[in-house]
Amino acid sequence: MVNYDLEEGQIVLCTVNKILGTTVFVKIEGNGEGTLTTSEISPGRIRNLRDYVVPGKKIVCKILRMQGDKIYLSLRRVKQTEKKELLDKISKERSYKAILKTVLGKDIAKETIEKITQDHSITDFFEEIKENPKTLDKYTSKTDSEKILKILESKKDKPKEIKQIIKLSSSAPNGIITTKKILKDSCKNTKCNINYLAAGKYRLSITGPDFKEIKTEINSAIDSIEKQARKKDCEFSVEKN
């Protein structure tokens, strides 16, 4: 059955269940089942489907459409930043649940998580108590709250990093000057770093405490590069990670 918390365009974690012909059947974590066709596994010709998907493998997919009780998914349409964002969120959620189990014990932690998730996602709840610790007192004793906050303090988030490889080139006589100016102007007011890799190939990287913020910033820089490249008749593409 379809879980109506899902929506088209959503990025979800799946586990490959079985492969029948050119169709891959997956279990969507906590949300039923879905399918992928070969054309949505990877761009271009696939020589061996099992190079990409095998039963038991976890993959990150995008929901293309939902029709009745069927969910159609895509692996190839998931951007690297979208994949990283989801996996980071899942990793955080598991870490937060582990903290509750450590402090409260397995059974009480389960009850507490059920209460918390009536109003929040676990991740959102823990982000909130970092700003307003007293929120935690609604769900745990003062002593347990202090223990949880102490663990959180010792596990302060490490800076997040996003890397993206792009290709930018021009066949014009002053092409090198043009491409350098495009890169410089597009990244001028951002925290993006540019590294030259090879002829016409560059790596953009950005680091910061908030994944969504740096994702927005690097996407903005890439959009600017693409627009300027089009105006200057340059070749531009983003390499799929």
C-alpha atoms as a PDB file:
ATOM      1  CA  MET A   1       0.000   0.000   0.000  1.00  0.00           C
ATOM      2  CA  VAL A   2       1.086   3.564  -0.703  1.00  0.00           C
ATOM      3  CA  ASN A   3       2.007   5.688   2.291  1.00  0.00           C
ATOM      4  CA  TYR A   4       0.413   9.065   1.673  1.00  0.00           C
ATOM      5  CA  ASP A   5       3.253  10.847   3.457  1.00  0.00           C
ATOM      6  CA  LEU A   6       5.132  10.296   0.204  1.00  0.00           C
ATOM      7  CA  GLU A   7       4.949  12.720  -2.702  1.00  0.00           C
ATOM      8  CA  GLU A   8       6.261  13.040  -6.243  1.00  0.00           C
ATOM      9  CA  GLY A   9       9.782  14.435  -6.413  1.00  0.00           C
ATOM     10  CA  GLN A  10      10.663  13.155  -2.933  1.00  0.00           C
ATOM     11  CA  ILE A  11      14.071  11.528  -2.366  1.00  0.00           C
ATOM     12  CA  VAL A  12      13.800   8.197  -0.529  1.00  0.00           C
ATOM     13  CA  LEU A  13      16.053   5.398   0.696  1.00  0.00           C
ATOM     14  CA  CYS A  14      15.207   2.019  -0.805  1.00  0.00           C
ATOM     15  CA  THR A  15      16.397  -1.568  -0.542  1.00  0.00           C
ATOM     16  CA  VAL A  16      16.468  -3.649  -3.728  1.00  0.00           C
ATOM     17  CA  ASN A  17      14.098  -6.585  -3.256  1.00  0.00           C
ATOM     18  CA  LYS A  18      14.178  -8.438  -6.569  1.00  0.00           C
ATOM     19  CA  ILE A  19      14.866  -8.002 -10.279  1.00  0.00           C
ATOM     20  CA  LEU A  20      12.484  -9.406 -12.870  1.00  0.00           C
ATOM     21  CA  GLY A  21      13.528  -8.825 -16.483  1.00  0.00           C
ATOM     22  CA  THR A  22      14.049  -5.090 -16.883  1.00  0.00           C
ATOM     23  CA  THR A  23      12.111  -4.107 -13.757  1.00  0.00           C
ATOM     24  CA  VAL A  24      13.655  -3.603 -10.328  1.00  0.00           C
ATOM     25  CA  PHE A  25      11.392  -3.995  -7.292  1.00  0.00           C
ATOM     26  CA  VAL A  26      12.416  -2.138  -4.146  1.00  0.00           C
ATOM     27  CA  LYS A  27      11.192  -1.599  -0.608  1.00  0.00           C
ATOM     28  CA  ILE A  28      10.972   2.067   0.335  1.00  0.00           C
ATOM     29  CA  GLU A  29      12.220   2.446   3.884  1.00  0.00           C
ATOM     30  CA  GLY A  30       9.138   2.615   6.104  1.00  0.00           C
ATOM     31  CA  ASN A  31       6.861   3.387   3.165  1.00  0.00           C
ATOM     32  CA  GLY A  32       5.881   0.332   1.142  1.00  0.00           C
ATOM     33  CA  GLU A  33       7.228  -0.718  -2.254  1.00  0.00           C
ATOM     34  CA  GLY A  34       8.130   0.771  -5.616  1.00  0.00           C
ATOM     35  CA  THR A  35       9.604  -0.104  -9.020  1.00  0.00           C
ATOM     36  CA  LEU A  36      12.304   1.165 -11.381  1.00  0.00           C
ATOM     37  CA  THR A  37      12.642   0.428 -15.077  1.00  0.00           C
ATOM     38  CA  THR A  38      16.049  -0.044 -16.701  1.00  0.00           C
ATOM     39  CA  SER A  39      15.898   3.414 -18.303  1.00  0.00           C
ATOM     40  CA  GLU A  40      15.699   4.981 -14.821  1.00  0.00           C
ATOM     41  CA  ILE A  41      18.733   3.142 -13.439  1.00  0.00           C
ATOM     42  CA  SER A  42      21.467   4.972 -15.328  1.00  0.00           C
ATOM     43  CA  PRO A  43      21.767   7.181 -18.438  1.00  0.00           C
ATOM     44  CA  GLY A  44      23.047   5.457 -21.543  1.00  0.00           C
ATOM     45  CA  ARG A  45      23.221   1.766 -22.315  1.00  0.00           C
ATOM     46  CA  ILE A  46      23.416  -0.673 -19.408  1.00  0.00           C
ATOM     47  CA  ARG A  47      25.381  -3.806 -20.202  1.00  0.00           C
ATOM     48  CA  ASN A  48      24.828  -5.493 -16.855  1.00  0.00           C
ATOM     49  CA  LEU A  49      21.960  -4.338 -14.637  1.00  0.00           C
ATOM     50  CA  ARG A  50      23.571  -5.977 -11.611  1.00  0.00           C
ATOM     51  CA  ASP A  51      26.495  -3.561 -11.821  1.00  0.00           C
ATOM     52  CA  TYR A  52      24.025  -1.006 -10.439  1.00  0.00           C
ATOM     53  CA  VAL A  53      21.432  -2.955  -8.446  1.00  0.00           C
ATOM     54  CA  VAL A  54      21.478  -6.305  -6.639  1.00  0.00           C
ATOM     55  CA  PRO A  55      18.997  -7.693  -4.093  1.00  0.00           C
ATOM     56  CA  GLY A  56      19.756  -6.356  -0.634  1.00  0.00           C
ATOM     57  CA  LYS A  57      21.553  -3.231  -1.862  1.00  0.00           C
ATOM     58  CA  LYS A  58      20.399   0.141  -0.497  1.00  0.00           C
ATOM     59  CA  ILE A  59      19.904   2.851  -3.120  1.00  0.00           C
ATOM     60  CA  VAL A  60      18.673   6.437  -3.021  1.00  0.00           C
ATOM     61  CA  CYS A  61      15.831   7.115  -5.470  1.00  0.00           C
ATOM     62  CA  LYS A  62      13.500   9.895  -6.564  1.00  0.00           C
ATOM     63  CA  ILE A  63       9.741   9.366  -6.747  1.00  0.00           C
ATOM     64  CA  LEU A  64       8.712  10.090 -10.343  1.00  0.00           C
ATOM     65  CA  ARG A  65       4.992   9.481 -10.026  1.00  0.00           C
ATOM     66  CA  MET A  66       2.378   7.719  -7.931  1.00  0.00           C
ATOM     67  CA  GLN A  67      -0.562   6.011  -9.613  1.00  0.00           C
ATOM     68  CA  GLY A  68      -3.029   4.221  -7.384  1.00  0.00           C
ATOM     69  CA  ASP A  69      -1.012   1.855  -5.222  1.00  0.00           C
ATOM     70  CA  LYS A  70       2.025   1.954  -7.534  1.00  0.00           C
ATOM     71  CA  ILE A  71       5.129   4.071  -6.983  1.00  0.00           C
ATOM     72  CA  TYR A  72       7.506   4.636  -9.899  1.00  0.00           C
ATOM     73  CA  LEU A  73      11.079   5.578  -8.993  1.00  0.00           C
ATOM     74  CA  SER A  74      14.312   6.757 -10.587  1.00  0.00           C
ATOM     75  CA  LEU A  75      17.922   6.199  -9.541  1.00  0.00           C
ATOM     76  CA  ARG A  76      19.584   8.181 -12.323  1.00  0.00           C
ATOM     77  CA  ARG A  77      17.673  11.415 -11.645  1.00  0.00           C
ATOM     78  CA  VAL A  78      18.969  11.756  -8.078  1.00  0.00           C
ATOM     79  CA  LYS A  79      21.548  14.548  -7.764  1.00  0.00           C
ATOM     80  CA  GLN A  80      24.617  13.926  -5.634  1.00  0.00           C
ATOM     81  CA  THR A  81      23.642  16.770  -3.283  1.00  0.00           C
ATOM     82  CA  GLU A  82      20.151  15.276  -2.856  1.00  0.00           C
ATOM     83  CA  LYS A  83      21.628  11.880  -2.065  1.00  0.00           C
ATOM     84  CA  LYS A  84      24.070  13.328   0.457  1.00  0.00           C
ATOM     85  CA  GLU A  85      21.351  15.409   2.114  1.00  0.00           C
ATOM     86  CA  LEU A  86      19.114  12.357   2.628  1.00  0.00           C
ATOM     87  CA  LEU A  87      21.930  10.113   3.871  1.00  0.00           C
ATOM     88  CA  ASP A  88      23.113  12.825   6.270  1.00  0.00           C
ATOM     89  CA  LYS A  89      19.580  13.175   7.601  1.00  0.00           C
ATOM     90  CA  ILE A  90      19.213   9.410   8.096  1.00  0.00           C
ATOM     91  CA  SER A  91      22.620   9.224   9.795  1.00  0.00           C
ATOM     92  CA  LYS A  92      21.660  12.048  12.157  1.00  0.00           C
ATOM     93  CA  GLU A  93      18.330  10.442  12.981  1.00  0.00           C
ATOM     94  CA  ARG A  94      19.988   7.133  13.860  1.00  0.00           C
ATOM     95  CA  SER A  95      22.546   8.946  15.992  1.00  0.00           C
ATOM     96  CA  TYR A  96      19.820  10.853  17.888  1.00  0.00           C
ATOM     97  CA  LYS A  97      17.805   7.684  18.498  1.00  0.00           C
ATOM     98  CA  ALA A  98      20.963   5.987  19.792  1.00  0.00           C
ATOM     99  CA  ILE A  99      21.457   8.826  22.293  1.00  0.00           C
ATOM    100  CA  LEU A 100      17.923   8.350  23.608  1.00  0.00           C
ATOM    101  CA  LYS A 101      18.453   4.581  23.941  1.00  0.00           C
ATOM    102  CA  THR A 102      21.755   5.118  25.765  1.00  0.00           C
ATOM    103  CA  VAL A 103      20.233   7.497  28.314  1.00  0.00           C
ATOM    104  CA  LEU A 104      16.694   6.144  28.689  1.00  0.00           C
ATOM    105  CA  GLY A 105      17.069   2.454  27.903  1.00  0.00           C
ATOM    106  CA  LYS A 106      15.543   0.662  24.920  1.00  0.00           C
ATOM    107  CA  ASP A 107      11.907   0.431  26.071  1.00  0.00           C
ATOM    108  CA  ILE A 108      11.512   3.964  27.463  1.00  0.00           C
ATOM    109  CA  ALA A 109      13.394   5.371  24.461  1.00  0.00           C
ATOM    110  CA  LYS A 110      10.910   3.669  22.121  1.00  0.00           C
ATOM    111  CA  GLU A 111       7.960   5.259  23.958  1.00  0.00           C
ATOM    112  CA  THR A 112       9.697   8.655  24.003  1.00  0.00           C
ATOM    113  CA  ILE A 113      10.454   8.507  20.279  1.00  0.00           C
ATOM    114  CA  GLU A 114       6.798   7.702  19.559  1.00  0.00           C
ATOM    115  CA  LYS A 115       5.722  10.766  21.586  1.00  0.00           C
ATOM    116  CA  ILE A 116       8.270  13.039  19.915  1.00  0.00           C
ATOM    117  CA  THR A 117       7.346  11.928  16.392  1.00  0.00           C
ATOM    118  CA  GLN A 118       3.694  12.839  16.945  1.00  0.00           C
ATOM    119  CA  ASP A 119       4.747  16.502  16.683  1.00  0.00           C
ATOM    120  CA  HIS A 120       8.222  16.509  15.078  1.00  0.00           C
ATOM    121  CA  SER A 121      10.664  14.460  13.073  1.00  0.00           C
ATOM    122  CA  ILE A 122      13.489  13.243  15.331  1.00  0.00           C
ATOM    123  CA  THR A 123      16.007  15.365  13.437  1.00  0.00           C
ATOM    124  CA  ASP A 124      13.920  18.548  13.678  1.00  0.00           C
ATOM    125  CA  PHE A 125      13.300  17.906  17.382  1.00  0.00           C
ATOM    126  CA  PHE A 126      16.997  17.617  18.199  1.00  0.00           C
ATOM    127  CA  GLU A 127      17.823  20.685  16.126  1.00  0.00           C
ATOM    128  CA  GLU A 128      15.165  22.552  18.126  1.00  0.00           C
ATOM    129  CA  ILE A 129      16.511  21.511  21.529  1.00  0.00           C
ATOM    130  CA  LYS A 130      19.948  22.772  20.535  1.00  0.00           C
ATOM    131  CA  GLU A 131      18.341  26.202  20.357  1.00  0.00           C
ATOM    132  CA  ASN A 132      15.860  25.704  23.199  1.00  0.00           C
ATOM    133  CA  PRO A 133      17.012  22.920  25.589  1.00  0.00           C
ATOM    134  CA  LYS A 134      13.920  23.273  27.788  1.00  0.00           C
ATOM    135  CA  THR A 135      11.851  21.651  25.018  1.00  0.00           C
ATOM    136  CA  LEU A 136      13.409  18.346  26.076  1.00  0.00           C
ATOM    137  CA  ASP A 137      11.922  18.585  29.593  1.00  0.00           C
ATOM    138  CA  LYS A 138       8.482  17.875  28.115  1.00  0.00           C
ATOM    139  CA  TYR A 139       9.588  14.338  27.204  1.00  0.00           C
ATOM    140  CA  THR A 140      12.227  13.346  29.780  1.00  0.00           C
ATOM    141  CA  SER A 141      13.149  13.968  33.407  1.00  0.00           C
ATOM    142  CA  LYS A 142      15.469  16.847  34.236  1.00  0.00           C
ATOM    143  CA  THR A 143      18.301  14.427  35.047  1.00  0.00           C
ATOM    144  CA  ASP A 144      17.916  12.572  31.740  1.00  0.00           C
ATOM    145  CA  SER A 145      17.609  15.866  29.860  1.00  0.00           C
ATOM    146  CA  GLU A 146      20.935  16.997  31.287  1.00  0.00           C
ATOM    147  CA  LYS A 147      22.583  13.730  30.224  1.00  0.00           C
ATOM    148  CA  ILE A 148      21.204  14.026  26.688  1.00  0.00           C
ATOM    149  CA  LEU A 149      22.315  17.636  26.365  1.00  0.00           C
ATOM    150  CA  LYS A 150      25.779  16.750  27.617  1.00  0.00           C
ATOM    151  CA  ILE A 151      26.128  14.048  24.943  1.00  0.00           C
ATOM    152  CA  LEU A 152      24.921  16.485  22.279  1.00  0.00           C
ATOM    153  CA  GLU A 153      27.489  19.024  23.401  1.00  0.00           C
ATOM    154  CA  SER A 154      30.247  16.427  22.954  1.00  0.00           C
ATOM    155  CA  LYS A 155      28.957  15.540  19.466  1.00  0.00           C
ATOM    156  CA  LYS A 156      28.857  18.994  17.918  1.00  0.00           C
ATOM    157  CA  ASP A 157      28.344  18.836  14.169  1.00  0.00           C
ATOM    158  CA  LYS A 158      31.420  18.771  11.977  1.00  0.00           C
ATOM    159  CA  PRO A 159      31.433  21.198   9.038  1.00  0.00           C
ATOM    160  CA  LYS A 160      29.596  19.879   5.968  1.00  0.00           C
ATOM    161  CA  GLU A 161      31.265  19.829   2.552  1.00  0.00           C
ATOM    162  CA  ILE A 162      29.882  19.603  -0.977  1.00  0.00           C
ATOM    163  CA  LYS A 163      32.027  19.000  -4.053  1.00  0.00           C
ATOM    164  CA  GLN A 164      30.905  19.227  -7.657  1.00  0.00           C
ATOM    165  CA  ILE A 165      32.934  18.712 -10.832  1.00  0.00           C
ATOM    166  CA  ILE A 166      32.030  20.866 -13.827  1.00  0.00           C
ATOM    167  CA  LYS A 167      33.297  21.210 -17.383  1.00  0.00           C
ATOM    168  CA  LEU A 168      33.697  24.678 -18.875  1.00  0.00           C
ATOM    169  CA  SER A 169      35.547  25.496 -22.075  1.00  0.00           C
ATOM    170  CA  SER A 170      35.583  27.893 -25.005  1.00  0.00           C
ATOM    171  CA  SER A 171      36.991  27.533 -28.517  1.00  0.00           C
ATOM    172  CA  ALA A 172      37.368  31.323 -28.887  1.00  0.00           C
ATOM    173  CA  PRO A 173      40.912  32.787 -29.184  1.00  0.00           C
ATOM    174  CA  ASN A 174      40.602  34.297 -25.698  1.00  0.00           C
ATOM    175  CA  GLY A 175      38.681  31.285 -24.356  1.00  0.00           C
ATOM    176  CA  ILE A 176      40.866  30.711 -21.288  1.00  0.00           C
ATOM    177  CA  ILE A 177      40.436  34.318 -20.168  1.00  0.00           C
ATOM    178  CA  THR A 178      36.675  34.071 -20.717  1.00  0.00           C
ATOM    179  CA  THR A 179      36.249  30.855 -18.701  1.00  0.00           C
ATOM    180  CA  LYS A 180      38.391  32.162 -15.837  1.00  0.00           C
ATOM    181  CA  LYS A 181      36.299  35.331 -15.667  1.00  0.00           C
ATOM    182  CA  ILE A 182      33.047  33.318 -15.665  1.00  0.00           C
ATOM    183  CA  LEU A 183      34.275  31.172 -12.754  1.00  0.00           C
ATOM    184  CA  LYS A 184      35.620  34.140 -10.812  1.00  0.00           C
ATOM    185  CA  ASP A 185      32.489  36.259 -11.254  1.00  0.00           C
ATOM    186  CA  SER A 186      30.118  33.387 -10.409  1.00  0.00           C
ATOM    187  CA  CYS A 187      31.931  32.451  -7.196  1.00  0.00           C
ATOM    188  CA  LYS A 188      32.916  36.003  -6.182  1.00  0.00           C
ATOM    189  CA  ASN A 189      30.334  36.475  -3.425  1.00  0.00           C
ATOM    190  CA  THR A 190      30.225  32.853  -2.272  1.00  0.00           C
ATOM    191  CA  LYS A 191      32.347  30.545  -0.131  1.00  0.00           C
ATOM    192  CA  CYS A 192      32.978  28.284  -3.118  1.00  0.00           C
ATOM    193  CA  ASN A 193      36.549  27.250  -3.885  1.00  0.00           C
ATOM    194  CA  ILE A 194      37.619  26.482  -7.467  1.00  0.00           C
ATOM    195  CA  ASN A 195      40.250  23.875  -8.274  1.00  0.00           C
ATOM    196  CA  TYR A 196      41.590  23.251 -11.771  1.00  0.00           C
ATOM    197  CA  LEU A 197      41.662  19.503 -12.564  1.00  0.00           C
ATOM    198  CA  ALA A 198      42.391  19.192 -16.288  1.00  0.00           C
ATOM    199  CA  ALA A 199      41.674  20.919 -19.589  1.00  0.00           C
ATOM    200  CA  GLY A 200      38.245  22.481 -19.178  1.00  0.00           C
ATOM    201  CA  LYS A 201      37.549  20.549 -15.987  1.00  0.00           C
ATOM    202  CA  TYR A 202      37.130  22.132 -12.544  1.00  0.00           C
ATOM    203  CA  ARG A 203      36.026  21.139  -9.063  1.00  0.00           C
ATOM    204  CA  LEU A 204      33.840  23.463  -7.014  1.00  0.00           C
ATOM    205  CA  SER A 205      33.836  22.850  -3.272  1.00  0.00           C
ATOM    206  CA  ILE A 206      32.168  24.561  -0.343  1.00  0.00           C
ATOM    207  CA  THR A 207      32.229  23.969   3.411  1.00  0.00           C
ATOM    208  CA  GLY A 208      29.880  25.187   6.132  1.00  0.00           C
ATOM    209  CA  PRO A 209      27.869  24.179   9.211  1.00  0.00           C
ATOM    210  CA  ASP A 210      24.489  24.016   7.472  1.00  0.00           C
ATOM    211  CA  PHE A 211      24.101  21.585   4.550  1.00  0.00           C
ATOM    212  CA  LYS A 212      21.052  23.323   3.069  1.00  0.00           C
ATOM    213  CA  GLU A 213      22.782  26.707   3.062  1.00  0.00           C
ATOM    214  CA  ILE A 214      25.934  25.500   1.324  1.00  0.00           C
ATOM    215  CA  LYS A 215      23.839  23.458  -1.106  1.00  0.00           C
ATOM    216  CA  THR A 216      21.898  26.601  -2.057  1.00  0.00           C
ATOM    217  CA  GLU A 217      25.126  28.576  -2.401  1.00  0.00           C
ATOM    218  CA  ILE A 218      26.952  26.106  -4.647  1.00  0.00           C
ATOM    219  CA  ASN A 219      23.821  25.587  -6.791  1.00  0.00           C
ATOM    220  CA  SER A 220      23.560  29.358  -7.196  1.00  0.00           C
ATOM    221  CA  ALA A 221      27.192  29.531  -8.337  1.00  0.00           C
ATOM    222  CA  ILE A 222      26.669  26.682 -10.827  1.00  0.00           C
ATOM    223  CA  ASP A 223      23.500  28.327 -12.194  1.00  0.00           C
ATOM    224  CA  SER A 224      25.446  31.568 -12.700  1.00  0.00           C
ATOM    225  CA  ILE A 225      28.266  29.724 -14.505  1.00  0.00           C
ATOM    226  CA  GLU A 226      25.746  28.040 -16.796  1.00  0.00           C
ATOM    227  CA  LYS A 227      23.986  31.324 -17.664  1.00  0.00           C
ATOM    228  CA  GLN A 228      27.246  33.154 -18.390  1.00  0.00           C
ATOM    229  CA  ALA A 229      28.584  30.200 -20.388  1.00  0.00           C
ATOM    230  CA  ARG A 230      25.480  30.310 -22.580  1.00  0.00           C
ATOM    231  CA  LYS A 231      25.938  34.043 -23.199  1.00  0.00           C
ATOM    232  CA  LYS A 232      29.623  33.622 -24.062  1.00  0.00           C
ATOM    233  CA  ASP A 233      28.984  30.557 -26.257  1.00  0.00           C
ATOM    234  CA  CYS A 234      31.033  28.274 -23.994  1.00  0.00           C
ATOM    235  CA  GLU A 235      30.670  24.532 -23.536  1.00  0.00           C
ATOM    236  CA  PHE A 236      29.334  23.752 -20.047  1.00  0.00           C
ATOM    237  CA  SER A 237      28.215  20.625 -18.210  1.00  0.00           C
ATOM    238  CA  VAL A 238      27.946  19.300 -14.686  1.00  0.00           C
ATOM    239  CA  GLU A 239      29.561  15.925 -14.136  1.00  0.00           C
ATOM    240  CA  LYS A 240      27.301  13.363 -12.489  1.00  0.00           C
ATOM    241  CA  ASN A 241      28.937  11.967  -9.361  1.00  0.00           C
END
